[in-house]
N, C-alpha and C. Protein backbone atom coordinates (compact mmCIF):
# COMPACT_ATOMS: atom_id res chain seq x y z
N MET A 1 0.97 -1.29 0.03
CA MET A 1 0.11 0.18 -0.10
C MET A 1 1.11 1.13 -0.13
N GLY A 2 1.74 1.17 0.74
CA GLY A 2 2.73 2.63 0.83
C GLY A 2 3.05 2.84 2.18
N ALA A 3 3.85 3.95 2.14
CA ALA A 3 4.81 4.68 3.35
C ALA A 3 3.80 6.09 3.19
N TYR A 4 3.16 6.26 4.72
CA TYR A 4 3.13 7.72 4.46
C TYR A 4 3.62 8.59 5.98
N VAL A 5 4.40 9.77 5.42
CA VAL A 5 4.77 10.49 6.27
C VAL A 5 4.24 11.79 6.52
N SER A 6 4.23 12.61 7.69
CA SER A 6 3.90 13.75 8.02
C SER A 6 4.81 14.66 7.47
N VAL A 7 3.77 15.77 6.64
CA VAL A 7 4.55 17.09 5.93
C VAL A 7 5.15 17.84 7.25
N PRO A 8 5.96 18.58 6.94
CA PRO A 8 6.40 19.69 7.68
C PRO A 8 5.17 20.32 8.36
N GLY A 9 5.06 20.70 9.85
CA GLY A 9 3.63 21.19 10.58
C GLY A 9 2.75 20.51 10.59
N GLU A 10 2.51 19.09 10.10
CA GLU A 10 1.29 18.48 10.03
C GLU A 10 1.13 17.73 11.34
N GLN A 11 0.30 18.41 12.17
CA GLN A 11 0.01 17.51 13.54
C GLN A 11 -0.35 16.36 13.52
N HIS A 12 -0.38 15.53 14.46
CA HIS A 12 -1.05 14.16 14.68
C HIS A 12 -2.19 13.89 14.32
N ASP A 13 -3.06 14.45 14.52
CA ASP A 13 -4.58 14.70 14.18
C ASP A 13 -4.78 14.42 12.65
N ALA A 14 -4.26 15.31 12.12
CA ALA A 14 -4.26 15.54 10.91
C ALA A 14 -3.84 14.36 9.75
N PHE A 15 -2.15 14.16 10.14
CA PHE A 15 -1.83 13.05 9.91
C PHE A 15 -2.75 12.01 9.82
N VAL A 16 -3.02 11.43 11.00
CA VAL A 16 -3.95 10.00 11.06
C VAL A 16 -5.35 10.37 10.11
N LEU A 17 -5.83 11.43 10.17
CA LEU A 17 -7.01 11.66 9.37
C LEU A 17 -6.56 11.69 7.82
N ARG A 18 -5.54 11.61 7.17
CA ARG A 18 -5.05 11.97 5.99
C ARG A 18 -4.73 10.23 5.59
N VAL A 19 -4.18 9.59 6.80
CA VAL A 19 -4.02 7.93 6.40
C VAL A 19 -5.25 7.20 6.72
N ALA A 20 -6.19 7.65 7.47
CA ALA A 20 -7.49 7.05 7.68
C ALA A 20 -8.07 7.11 6.21
N GLU A 21 -8.07 8.01 5.51
CA GLU A 21 -8.71 8.42 4.31
C GLU A 21 -8.24 7.40 3.06
N ALA A 22 -6.82 7.21 3.34
CA ALA A 22 -6.28 6.37 2.39
C ALA A 22 -6.85 4.80 2.55
N LEU A 23 -6.72 4.82 3.83
CA LEU A 23 -7.07 3.47 4.23
C LEU A 23 -8.65 2.86 3.98
N LYS A 24 -9.75 4.14 3.83
CA LYS A 24 -10.77 3.92 3.68
C LYS A 24 -11.23 3.64 1.96
N ALA A 25 -10.42 4.35 1.17
CA ALA A 25 -10.16 4.38 0.00
C ALA A 25 -9.81 2.99 -0.70
N TRP A 26 -8.68 2.24 -0.03
CA TRP A 26 -8.29 0.95 -0.54
C TRP A 26 -9.20 0.08 0.04
N THR A 27 -9.88 -0.01 1.04
CA THR A 27 -10.81 -0.99 1.86
C THR A 27 -12.15 -0.62 0.93
N ASP A 28 -12.67 0.53 0.43
CA ASP A 28 -13.61 0.44 -0.51
C ASP A 28 -13.35 0.04 -1.74
N GLN A 29 -12.38 0.04 -2.24
CA GLN A 29 -11.87 -0.25 -3.63
C GLN A 29 -11.54 -1.83 -3.67
N THR A 30 -10.87 -2.81 -2.76
CA THR A 30 -10.45 -4.04 -3.06
C THR A 30 -11.41 -4.93 -1.67
N GLY A 31 -12.23 -4.23 -0.88
CA GLY A 31 -12.87 -5.23 -0.09
C GLY A 31 -12.09 -6.02 0.81
N THR A 32 -11.01 -5.61 0.98
CA THR A 32 -9.81 -6.12 1.95
C THR A 32 -9.21 -5.05 3.06
N GLU A 33 -8.42 -5.87 4.19
CA GLU A 33 -8.12 -4.63 5.24
C GLU A 33 -6.97 -4.52 5.05
N ALA A 34 -6.10 -3.30 5.72
CA ALA A 34 -5.02 -2.91 5.68
C ALA A 34 -4.56 -2.35 6.95
N CYS A 35 -3.18 -2.06 6.98
CA CYS A 35 -2.78 -1.74 8.15
C CYS A 35 -1.67 -1.47 8.36
N GLY A 36 -1.21 -0.45 9.76
CA GLY A 36 0.26 -0.23 9.87
C GLY A 36 0.29 0.24 11.07
N SER A 37 1.51 0.42 11.87
CA SER A 37 1.82 0.88 13.00
C SER A 37 2.43 2.25 12.81
N ILE A 38 2.16 3.11 13.50
CA ILE A 38 2.32 4.68 13.35
C ILE A 38 3.60 4.97 14.65
N ALA A 39 4.37 5.84 13.82
CA ALA A 39 5.97 5.80 14.36
C ALA A 39 6.06 7.16 14.30
N ARG A 40 6.79 7.61 15.47
CA ARG A 40 7.30 9.03 15.49
C ARG A 40 8.71 9.16 14.97
N THR A 41 9.16 10.24 14.05
CA THR A 41 10.18 10.40 13.47
C THR A 41 11.12 11.24 14.61
N ASN A 42 12.25 11.08 14.27
CA ASN A 42 13.39 12.04 14.79
C ASN A 42 13.18 13.45 14.73
N ASP A 43 12.29 13.95 13.96
CA ASP A 43 12.22 15.62 13.65
C ASP A 43 10.76 15.71 14.13
N GLY A 44 10.15 14.63 15.13
CA GLY A 44 9.03 15.40 15.45
C GLY A 44 7.71 14.71 14.88
N GLY A 45 8.01 14.27 13.55
CA GLY A 45 6.91 13.89 12.48
C GLY A 45 6.39 12.62 12.89
N TYR A 46 5.46 12.52 11.67
CA TYR A 46 4.74 10.79 12.08
C TYR A 46 5.29 9.84 10.87
N TYR A 47 5.16 8.66 10.90
CA TYR A 47 5.09 7.87 9.74
C TYR A 47 4.43 6.15 10.04
N VAL A 48 3.80 6.08 8.94
CA VAL A 48 2.98 4.47 8.73
C VAL A 48 3.29 4.03 7.66
N GLN A 49 3.83 2.59 7.67
CA GLN A 49 4.05 1.54 6.33
C GLN A 49 2.61 1.09 6.37
N LEU A 50 1.78 1.35 5.40
CA LEU A 50 0.27 0.49 5.35
C LEU A 50 0.81 -0.86 4.59
N THR A 51 0.26 -1.91 5.28
CA THR A 51 0.62 -2.85 4.46
C THR A 51 -0.88 -3.85 4.20
N THR A 52 -1.29 -5.02 3.51
CA THR A 52 -2.17 -5.68 3.40
C THR A 52 -1.80 -7.08 2.81
N LEU A 53 -2.58 -8.12 3.26
CA LEU A 53 -2.74 -9.50 2.98
C LEU A 53 -3.51 -9.76 2.06
N LYS A 54 -4.33 -8.72 1.61
CA LYS A 54 -5.24 -8.66 0.71
C LYS A 54 -6.46 -9.83 1.06
N ALA A 55 -6.72 -9.77 2.40
CA ALA A 55 -7.60 -10.45 3.25
C ALA A 55 -8.69 -9.84 3.94
N GLN A 56 -10.25 -10.36 4.22
CA GLN A 56 -11.13 -9.40 4.86
C GLN A 56 -11.02 -9.38 6.47
N MET A 57 -10.27 -10.36 7.01
CA MET A 57 -10.48 -10.63 8.63
C MET A 57 -9.21 -10.57 8.98
N VAL A 58 -8.25 -10.29 8.55
CA VAL A 58 -6.85 -10.27 9.38
C VAL A 58 -5.91 -9.47 8.42
N CYS A 59 -5.02 -8.54 9.25
CA CYS A 59 -3.74 -8.05 9.00
C CYS A 59 -2.89 -7.69 9.81
N LEU A 60 -1.47 -8.13 9.11
CA LEU A 60 -0.39 -8.42 10.06
C LEU A 60 0.23 -6.91 9.97
N ARG A 61 0.78 -6.35 11.03
CA ARG A 61 1.84 -5.35 11.23
C ARG A 61 2.71 -5.31 12.24
N SER A 62 3.67 -4.68 11.73
CA SER A 62 5.03 -4.92 12.81
C SER A 62 5.27 -3.71 13.07
N THR A 63 5.79 -3.73 14.38
CA THR A 63 5.95 -3.00 15.47
C THR A 63 7.50 -2.50 15.37
N VAL A 64 8.30 -3.02 14.43
CA VAL A 64 9.82 -2.58 14.35
C VAL A 64 9.87 -1.65 12.98
N MET A 65 10.59 -0.53 13.58
CA MET A 65 10.50 0.65 13.11
C MET A 65 11.94 0.91 12.06
N PRO A 66 11.61 1.64 11.15
CA PRO A 66 13.14 2.31 10.33
C PRO A 66 13.87 2.51 11.29
N ASP A 67 15.28 2.98 11.24
CA ASP A 67 15.85 3.47 11.78
C ASP A 67 15.56 4.75 11.82
N GLY A 68 15.93 5.68 13.25
CA GLY A 68 15.26 6.82 13.58
C GLY A 68 14.04 7.03 14.01
N MET A 69 13.37 6.02 14.07
CA MET A 69 11.97 6.04 14.30
C MET A 69 11.38 5.60 15.61
N THR A 70 10.51 5.68 16.27
CA THR A 70 10.07 5.24 17.47
C THR A 70 8.47 4.65 17.16
N TYR A 71 8.03 3.49 17.74
CA TYR A 71 6.42 2.95 17.58
C TYR A 71 5.99 3.94 18.61
N THR A 72 4.93 4.35 18.41
CA THR A 72 4.01 5.21 19.19
C THR A 72 3.19 4.39 20.25
N GLY A 73 3.31 3.21 19.84
CA GLY A 73 2.28 2.48 20.66
C GLY A 73 0.83 2.32 20.10
N ASP A 74 0.55 3.01 18.79
CA ASP A 74 -0.53 3.15 18.53
C ASP A 74 -0.42 2.66 16.91
N ASP A 75 -1.77 1.99 16.30
CA ASP A 75 -2.03 1.17 15.03
C ASP A 75 -3.04 1.92 14.44
N ILE A 76 -3.25 1.51 13.12
CA ILE A 76 -4.26 2.27 12.49
C ILE A 76 -4.42 1.06 11.51
N HIS A 77 -5.84 0.30 11.33
CA HIS A 77 -6.46 -0.42 10.37
C HIS A 77 -7.72 -0.23 10.09
N SER A 78 -7.99 -1.09 8.90
CA SER A 78 -9.06 -1.03 8.62
C SER A 78 -10.18 -2.41 8.54
N HIS A 79 -11.48 -2.29 8.54
CA HIS A 79 -12.38 -3.26 8.50
C HIS A 79 -13.08 -2.94 7.21
N VAL A 80 -13.48 -4.48 6.52
CA VAL A 80 -14.46 -4.32 5.42
C VAL A 80 -15.68 -3.48 5.61
N HIS A 81 -16.27 -2.84 4.85
CA HIS A 81 -17.48 -1.86 4.92
C HIS A 81 -18.65 -3.06 4.61
N ARG A 82 -18.93 -3.51 6.05
CA ARG A 82 -20.55 -4.05 5.80
C ARG A 82 -21.40 -4.28 7.13
N HIS A 83 -22.27 -4.24 7.16
CA HIS A 83 -22.86 -4.39 8.25
C HIS A 83 -22.97 -5.67 9.01
N PRO A 84 -23.14 -5.92 10.13
CA PRO A 84 -22.73 -7.41 10.67
C PRO A 84 -23.58 -8.47 9.60
N GLY A 85 -22.68 -9.54 9.68
CA GLY A 85 -23.28 -10.66 8.59
C GLY A 85 -22.46 -11.45 8.38
N ASN A 86 -22.44 -12.50 7.42
CA ASN A 86 -21.55 -13.42 7.15
C ASN A 86 -20.72 -13.37 5.83
N VAL A 87 -19.25 -13.70 6.12
CA VAL A 87 -18.52 -13.41 5.05
C VAL A 87 -17.85 -14.79 4.53
N THR A 88 -17.67 -15.04 3.33
CA THR A 88 -17.54 -16.06 3.00
C THR A 88 -15.61 -16.23 2.79
N VAL A 89 -15.28 -17.28 3.46
CA VAL A 89 -13.88 -17.06 3.64
C VAL A 89 -12.69 -17.53 2.16
N THR A 90 -12.36 -16.85 2.01
CA THR A 90 -11.32 -16.77 0.92
C THR A 90 -9.92 -17.31 1.10
N PHE A 91 -9.46 -17.80 -0.14
CA PHE A 91 -8.20 -18.37 0.65
C PHE A 91 -7.08 -17.38 0.92
N GLN A 92 -7.33 -15.93 0.64
CA GLN A 92 -6.44 -14.82 1.32
C GLN A 92 -6.55 -14.80 2.90
N ASP A 93 -7.80 -15.18 3.27
CA ASP A 93 -8.23 -14.99 4.60
C ASP A 93 -7.59 -16.57 5.24
N GLU A 94 -7.76 -17.51 4.22
CA GLU A 94 -7.30 -18.88 5.18
C GLU A 94 -5.77 -18.56 5.18
N ALA A 95 -4.85 -18.21 4.33
CA ALA A 95 -3.53 -17.97 4.70
C ALA A 95 -3.09 -17.04 5.42
N ALA A 96 -3.85 -15.92 5.62
CA ALA A 96 -3.56 -15.06 6.70
C ALA A 96 -3.85 -15.43 8.37
N MET A 97 -5.04 -16.36 8.00
CA MET A 97 -5.40 -16.95 9.80
C MET A 97 -4.25 -18.04 10.07
N ASP A 98 -3.78 -18.39 9.00
CA ASP A 98 -2.80 -19.59 9.03
C ASP A 98 -1.13 -18.75 9.37
N GLU A 99 -1.10 -17.60 9.04
CA GLU A 99 0.10 -16.89 9.57
C GLU A 99 0.30 -16.20 10.80
N VAL A 100 -1.13 -15.90 11.39
CA VAL A 100 -0.97 -15.54 12.86
C VAL A 100 -1.45 -16.61 13.81
N GLY A 101 -1.49 -17.81 13.20
CA GLY A 101 -1.40 -19.11 14.11
C GLY A 101 -2.73 -19.84 14.65
N GLU A 102 -4.07 -19.49 13.41
CA GLU A 102 -5.12 -19.81 13.66
C GLU A 102 -5.21 -21.32 13.06
N GLN A 103 -4.52 -22.11 12.68
CA GLN A 103 -4.45 -23.52 12.32
C GLN A 103 -5.38 -24.25 13.04
N GLY A 104 -5.26 -24.58 14.20
CA GLY A 104 -6.48 -24.94 14.52
C GLY A 104 -7.94 -24.65 14.16
N THR A 105 -8.26 -23.34 14.51
CA THR A 105 -9.48 -22.93 14.01
C THR A 105 -9.90 -23.06 12.31
N LEU A 106 -8.62 -23.14 11.61
CA LEU A 106 -8.87 -23.53 10.03
C LEU A 106 -9.31 -24.87 10.02
N GLU A 107 -8.44 -25.75 10.63
CA GLU A 107 -8.54 -27.38 10.40
C GLU A 107 -10.04 -27.31 11.13
N ASN A 108 -10.61 -27.29 12.13
CA ASN A 108 -11.68 -27.48 12.43
C ASN A 108 -12.97 -26.66 11.27
N MET A 109 -12.67 -25.56 10.70
CA MET A 109 -13.58 -25.30 10.06
C MET A 109 -13.82 -26.15 8.38
N ARG A 110 -12.61 -26.44 8.20
CA ARG A 110 -12.43 -27.52 7.00
C ARG A 110 -12.86 -28.63 7.18
N ARG A 111 -12.81 -28.99 8.28
CA ARG A 111 -13.37 -30.46 8.97
C ARG A 111 -14.70 -30.73 9.22
N LEU A 112 -15.41 -29.00 9.55
CA LEU A 112 -17.13 -29.13 9.54
C LEU A 112 -17.60 -28.77 8.43
N GLY A 113 -16.72 -28.34 7.34
CA GLY A 113 -17.24 -27.91 6.07
C GLY A 113 -17.72 -26.24 6.26
N ILE A 114 -16.91 -25.59 6.97
CA ILE A 114 -17.43 -23.97 6.99
C ILE A 114 -16.82 -23.04 6.31
N HIS A 115 -17.56 -22.65 5.50
CA HIS A 115 -17.03 -21.77 4.55
C HIS A 115 -17.24 -20.20 4.68
N THR A 116 -17.96 -19.68 5.77
CA THR A 116 -18.63 -18.52 6.24
C THR A 116 -18.28 -18.46 7.33
N VAL A 117 -18.22 -17.00 7.68
CA VAL A 117 -17.94 -16.91 9.27
C VAL A 117 -19.17 -15.47 9.30
N HIS A 118 -19.34 -15.37 10.78
CA HIS A 118 -20.14 -14.41 11.19
C HIS A 118 -18.99 -13.17 11.65
N VAL A 119 -19.09 -11.71 11.02
CA VAL A 119 -18.57 -10.93 11.47
C VAL A 119 -19.51 -9.51 12.10
N ASP A 120 -18.88 -8.86 12.86
CA ASP A 120 -19.48 -7.39 13.34
C ASP A 120 -18.36 -6.56 13.21
N SER A 121 -18.60 -6.03 11.95
CA SER A 121 -17.55 -5.19 11.38
C SER A 121 -18.18 -3.41 11.76
N VAL A 122 -18.67 -3.32 12.62
CA VAL A 122 -19.18 -1.97 12.85
C VAL A 122 -18.30 -1.25 14.01
N ASP A 123 -17.35 -2.06 14.87
CA ASP A 123 -16.39 -1.75 15.75
C ASP A 123 -14.96 -2.56 16.18
N PHE A 124 -14.15 -2.20 17.07
CA PHE A 124 -13.30 -3.06 16.89
C PHE A 124 -13.54 -4.26 17.51
N SER A 125 -13.15 -5.48 17.13
CA SER A 125 -12.89 -6.57 17.48
C SER A 125 -12.30 -6.70 18.82
N ASP A 126 -12.26 -8.43 19.43
CA ASP A 126 -11.89 -8.80 20.19
C ASP A 126 -10.28 -8.87 20.07
N ASP A 127 -10.17 -9.37 19.01
CA ASP A 127 -8.51 -9.29 18.45
C ASP A 127 -7.94 -7.87 18.20
N ASP A 128 -8.84 -7.15 17.95
CA ASP A 128 -8.14 -5.72 18.10
C ASP A 128 -7.75 -5.04 19.35
N TYR A 129 -8.81 -5.35 20.30
CA TYR A 129 -8.39 -5.34 21.51
C TYR A 129 -7.14 -5.52 22.34
N ALA A 130 -6.98 -7.00 21.84
CA ALA A 130 -5.93 -7.50 22.33
C ALA A 130 -4.56 -7.27 21.87
N GLY A 131 -4.68 -6.65 20.48
CA GLY A 131 -3.57 -5.88 19.97
C GLY A 131 -3.00 -4.86 20.31
N GLY A 132 -3.70 -4.32 21.27
CA GLY A 132 -3.29 -3.05 21.77
C GLY A 132 -4.05 -1.77 21.04
N PRO A 133 -3.48 -0.27 21.78
CA PRO A 133 -4.71 0.78 21.21
C PRO A 133 -4.42 1.01 19.70
N GLY A 134 -5.19 1.76 19.26
CA GLY A 134 -5.04 2.25 17.91
C GLY A 134 -6.77 2.69 17.06
N TYR A 135 -6.28 3.10 16.21
CA TYR A 135 -7.30 3.39 15.45
C TYR A 135 -8.05 2.79 14.33
N LEU A 136 -9.22 2.87 14.06
CA LEU A 136 -9.88 1.85 13.03
C LEU A 136 -10.63 2.72 12.18
N VAL A 137 -10.80 2.17 10.71
CA VAL A 137 -11.42 2.84 9.62
C VAL A 137 -12.44 1.83 9.20
N VAL A 138 -13.73 2.16 9.61
CA VAL A 138 -15.06 1.40 9.36
C VAL A 138 -16.41 2.06 9.27
N ASN A 139 -17.02 1.32 8.12
CA ASN A 139 -18.24 2.30 8.20
C ASN A 139 -18.34 3.97 7.96
N ASP A 140 -17.10 4.32 7.31
CA ASP A 140 -17.47 5.87 7.08
C ASP A 140 -16.70 6.45 8.30
N THR A 141 -16.32 5.77 8.97
CA THR A 141 -15.89 6.89 10.07
C THR A 141 -14.57 6.08 10.72
N LEU A 142 -13.88 6.95 11.68
CA LEU A 142 -12.53 6.86 12.17
C LEU A 142 -12.67 6.71 13.46
N ARG A 143 -12.54 5.42 14.35
CA ARG A 143 -12.25 5.28 15.57
C ARG A 143 -11.32 4.92 16.35
N TYR A 144 -11.49 5.22 17.65
CA TYR A 144 -10.19 5.19 18.60
C TYR A 144 -10.41 4.31 19.68
N GLN A 145 -9.25 3.48 20.03
CA GLN A 145 -9.75 2.58 21.37
C GLN A 145 -8.27 2.49 22.34
N HIS A 146 -8.12 2.82 23.28
CA HIS A 146 -7.13 2.36 24.17
C HIS A 146 -7.22 1.52 25.49
N GLY A 147 -8.42 0.49 25.09
CA GLY A 147 -8.68 -0.61 25.62
C GLY A 147 -10.21 -0.97 25.99
N ARG A 148 -10.36 -2.21 26.24
CA ARG A 148 -12.03 -2.73 26.15
C ARG A 148 -12.95 -1.86 26.89
N GLY A 149 -13.77 -1.10 26.21
CA GLY A 149 -14.78 -0.22 26.39
C GLY A 149 -14.54 1.26 26.27
N THR A 150 -13.37 1.32 25.59
CA THR A 150 -13.01 3.08 25.46
C THR A 150 -13.07 3.39 23.81
N SER A 151 -13.75 2.37 22.84
CA SER A 151 -13.98 2.68 21.70
C SER A 151 -14.55 4.01 21.50
N VAL A 152 -14.20 5.03 20.46
CA VAL A 152 -15.00 6.22 20.42
C VAL A 152 -14.68 6.68 18.89
N LYS A 153 -16.12 7.40 18.23
CA LYS A 153 -15.62 7.86 16.85
C LYS A 153 -15.16 9.04 17.12
N VAL A 154 -14.08 9.23 16.24
CA VAL A 154 -12.98 10.38 16.29
C VAL A 154 -13.45 11.19 15.12
N ALA A 155 -13.83 10.74 13.98
CA ALA A 155 -14.51 11.55 12.50
C ALA A 155 -15.26 10.98 11.65
N ASP A 156 -16.00 11.71 10.94
CA ASP A 156 -16.56 11.15 9.85
C ASP A 156 -15.66 10.89 8.64
N LEU A 157 -15.84 9.86 7.89
CA LEU A 157 -14.56 10.11 6.66
C LEU A 157 -15.40 10.27 5.37
N ASN A 158 -16.40 10.56 5.09
CA ASN A 158 -17.63 10.65 4.08
C ASN A 158 -17.93 12.21 3.73
N ARG A 159 -17.83 12.86 4.57
CA ARG A 159 -17.92 14.35 4.34
C ARG A 159 -16.94 15.19 4.87
N PRO A 160 -16.60 16.67 4.39
CA PRO A 160 -15.77 17.58 4.80
C PRO A 160 -15.57 17.88 6.13
N ARG A 161 -14.42 17.96 6.81
CA ARG A 161 -14.46 18.39 8.39
C ARG A 161 -13.19 19.11 8.69
N SER A 162 -13.47 19.76 9.61
CA SER A 162 -12.25 20.37 10.17
C SER A 162 -11.27 19.46 10.96
N ILE A 163 -10.28 19.69 11.36
CA ILE A 163 -9.00 18.83 12.33
C ILE A 163 -9.94 18.88 13.45
N PHE A 164 -9.65 17.54 13.72
CA PHE A 164 -10.69 16.97 15.12
C PHE A 164 -9.45 16.91 15.96
N GLY A 165 -9.96 17.09 17.39
CA GLY A 165 -9.26 16.94 18.35
C GLY A 165 -8.65 15.67 18.96
N PRO A 166 -8.06 15.27 20.19
CA PRO A 166 -7.47 14.21 20.82
C PRO A 166 -8.94 13.32 20.81
N PRO A 167 -8.56 12.06 20.45
CA PRO A 167 -9.61 10.99 20.75
C PRO A 167 -10.08 10.53 21.67
N TRP A 168 -9.56 11.29 23.07
CA TRP A 168 -10.17 10.73 24.34
C TRP A 168 -10.02 11.62 25.18
């Protein structure tokens, strides 16, 4: 997907919003998730490398940052836009699940002939909370959480807006 670097003078919130808009465009166009870990650069700016497995339900991100950058502790990722419902598990989803250690789940799905899974893509998932704090692009909104029960809407992504304040 690519690397995003803040421009001189760009505040954290504006940077995150710019990255969120790119994530929304990617997910809307491909129907797959993308993600990245947010870093602070030595000059006080921000950086994120967005990646994708082209899967609907899984995205892997690294907290290893390029030289001269420090992981902020926040990530950003997208969920495929849809209301709660069933998703047909694709080859990419299976490969991603295998990559994150879900071989047992995959084996059970295959053994039981399960080809669809129920998803609730309107907020953070249990796995999202377990992964630590961060941002989520879902259903035309940008959300933030820093622990279970803290999910808040930060911005609408489907209409013009001004720069927003801190998400908490």
